[in-house]
Amino acid sequence: MIAALILVLSGVMMAQFAVFFWRANMIATAAQPISETLAFAQINLGQTANLQDFDTVAALSKLCPSIRMRSVSLLAVRTYYRIIRSLSQLCSTVLPQGTVWARQEMAFCTRYVAVSLDRRLVSNQAYLAALRPY
């Protein structure tokens, strides 16, 4: 009985560690600078990014395939964004501080998708520039 309890608790702790590690990596990636290649989209990537900004960046990410580098799957970020958006709508009446936190998390998601799109665009441009002399 105690062994089963220890196994369950260690599994829960491992899952919690995995989620926190993934979120820390997402925030670290979102903190990286973005080049001027995304200036054409006129996207707000600050702390006040709104719902349309995430949808715009996600749609642009679908339109831009990766030529050389391994494409980053955005399924986890989209799922996290949808969960946080639902929490934001739920907390808007009950807990206003939760809404502020949720908007900040949604801004991190938007920024993460924008950074991954920017990396993809820069990689594609470098690859095409290397092909030009041929």
Protein backbone atom coordinates (compact mmCIF):
# COMPACT_ATOMS: atom_id res chain seq x y z
CA MET A 1 0.00 0.00 0.00
CA ILE A 2 2.75 2.43 0.94
CA ALA A 3 4.72 1.44 -2.15
CA ALA A 4 1.75 2.30 -4.36
CA LEU A 5 1.38 5.66 -2.61
CA ILE A 6 5.07 6.41 -3.13
CA LEU A 7 4.78 5.43 -6.80
CA VAL A 8 1.74 7.67 -7.35
CA LEU A 9 3.30 10.62 -5.53
CA SER A 10 6.57 10.29 -7.45
CA GLY A 11 4.64 10.14 -10.72
CA VAL A 12 2.72 13.30 -9.82
CA MET A 13 5.93 15.08 -8.80
CA MET A 14 7.61 14.04 -12.04
CA ALA A 15 4.67 15.33 -14.09
CA GLN A 16 4.74 18.61 -12.18
CA PHE A 17 8.47 18.93 -12.81
CA ALA A 18 7.96 18.24 -16.54
CA VAL A 19 5.26 20.93 -16.80
CA PHE A 20 7.35 23.50 -14.92
CA PHE A 21 10.41 22.67 -17.03
CA TRP A 22 8.43 23.04 -20.28
CA ARG A 23 6.98 26.37 -19.11
CA ALA A 24 10.41 27.67 -18.10
CA ASN A 25 11.79 26.76 -21.53
CA MET A 26 8.84 28.48 -23.20
CA ILE A 27 9.38 31.67 -21.20
CA ALA A 28 13.14 31.59 -21.87
CA THR A 29 12.50 31.25 -25.60
CA ALA A 30 9.88 34.01 -25.51
CA ALA A 31 12.41 36.35 -23.89
CA GLN A 32 14.74 36.20 -26.88
CA PRO A 33 14.84 39.16 -29.27
CA ILE A 34 12.96 39.15 -32.55
CA SER A 35 14.47 40.46 -35.75
CA GLU A 36 12.73 42.95 -38.00
CA THR A 37 11.36 40.22 -40.27
CA LEU A 38 8.03 40.23 -38.46
CA ALA A 39 7.55 43.99 -38.75
CA PHE A 40 5.26 43.49 -41.74
CA ALA A 41 2.64 41.72 -39.62
CA GLN A 42 2.15 44.69 -37.25
CA ILE A 43 1.80 42.42 -34.24
CA ASN A 44 1.85 43.61 -30.65
CA LEU A 45 4.35 41.36 -28.87
CA GLY A 46 4.49 43.17 -25.55
CA GLN A 47 2.77 42.35 -22.28
CA THR A 48 -0.54 43.57 -23.71
CA ALA A 49 -0.82 41.12 -26.59
CA ASN A 50 -4.45 40.36 -27.31
CA LEU A 51 -6.28 37.30 -28.58
CA GLN A 52 -6.07 38.28 -32.24
CA ASP A 53 -2.27 38.58 -32.04
CA PHE A 54 -1.86 34.93 -31.06
CA ASP A 55 -4.21 33.79 -33.81
CA THR A 56 -2.36 35.95 -36.36
CA VAL A 57 1.08 34.68 -35.39
CA ALA A 58 -0.16 31.08 -35.30
CA ALA A 59 -1.66 31.43 -38.78
CA LEU A 60 1.58 32.94 -40.08
CA SER A 61 3.47 30.06 -38.52
CA LYS A 62 1.32 27.58 -40.43
CA LEU A 63 2.03 29.46 -43.68
CA CYS A 64 5.81 29.42 -43.28
CA PRO A 65 7.27 25.93 -43.51
CA SER A 66 10.76 25.21 -42.29
CA ILE A 67 13.27 24.35 -45.00
CA ARG A 68 16.34 23.28 -43.05
CA MET A 69 15.71 23.16 -39.35
CA ARG A 70 13.42 20.78 -37.54
CA SER A 71 10.03 22.40 -37.24
CA VAL A 72 8.87 23.15 -33.72
CA SER A 73 5.45 21.74 -32.94
CA LEU A 74 3.16 24.39 -31.58
CA LEU A 75 0.44 21.99 -30.44
CA ALA A 76 1.47 22.17 -26.78
CA VAL A 77 1.64 25.98 -26.84
CA ARG A 78 -1.75 26.24 -28.56
CA THR A 79 -3.28 23.88 -26.00
CA TYR A 80 -1.70 25.80 -23.12
CA TYR A 81 -2.94 29.08 -24.63
CA ARG A 82 -6.49 27.77 -24.92
CA ILE A 83 -6.45 26.49 -21.33
CA ILE A 84 -5.15 29.82 -20.03
CA ARG A 85 -7.69 31.74 -22.13
CA SER A 86 -10.49 29.63 -20.61
CA LEU A 87 -9.10 30.27 -17.13
CA SER A 88 -8.95 33.98 -17.89
CA GLN A 89 -12.61 34.03 -18.88
CA LEU A 90 -13.50 32.02 -15.79
CA CYS A 91 -11.47 34.24 -13.46
CA SER A 92 -12.65 37.53 -14.92
CA THR A 93 -15.59 37.75 -12.53
CA VAL A 94 -14.29 35.83 -9.55
CA LEU A 95 -10.58 36.62 -9.29
CA PRO A 96 -9.26 39.70 -11.12
CA GLN A 97 -5.63 38.90 -10.19
CA GLY A 98 -6.01 35.59 -12.01
CA THR A 99 -7.01 37.48 -15.14
CA VAL A 100 -3.84 39.58 -14.99
CA TRP A 101 -1.72 36.44 -14.63
CA ALA A 102 -3.59 34.72 -17.46
CA ARG A 103 -3.07 37.67 -19.81
CA GLN A 104 0.63 37.62 -19.00
CA GLU A 105 0.80 33.89 -19.77
CA MET A 106 -1.08 34.44 -23.03
CA ALA A 107 1.42 37.15 -23.95
CA PHE A 108 4.25 34.66 -23.29
CA CYS A 109 2.56 32.16 -25.61
CA THR A 110 2.17 34.78 -28.34
CA ARG A 111 5.77 35.85 -27.97
CA TYR A 112 6.96 32.20 -28.05
CA VAL A 113 5.14 31.52 -31.32
CA ALA A 114 6.51 34.77 -32.78
CA VAL A 115 10.09 33.86 -31.79
CA SER A 116 9.75 30.39 -33.31
CA LEU A 117 8.33 31.93 -36.50
CA ASP A 118 11.17 34.45 -36.57
CA ARG A 119 13.75 31.67 -36.18
CA ARG A 120 12.11 29.78 -39.03
CA LEU A 121 12.13 32.86 -41.29
CA VAL A 122 15.78 33.65 -40.52
CA SER A 123 16.78 30.03 -41.15
CA ASN A 124 14.91 29.97 -44.46
CA GLN A 125 16.48 33.27 -45.55
CA ALA A 126 19.97 32.01 -44.69
CA TYR A 127 19.35 28.79 -46.60
CA LEU A 128 18.09 30.62 -49.67
CA ALA A 129 21.03 33.04 -49.51
CA ALA A 130 23.39 30.06 -49.48
CA LEU A 131 21.66 28.66 -52.58
CA ARG A 132 21.82 31.88 -54.61
CA PRO A 133 25.37 31.48 -55.93
CA TYR A 134 24.39 28.19 -57.53
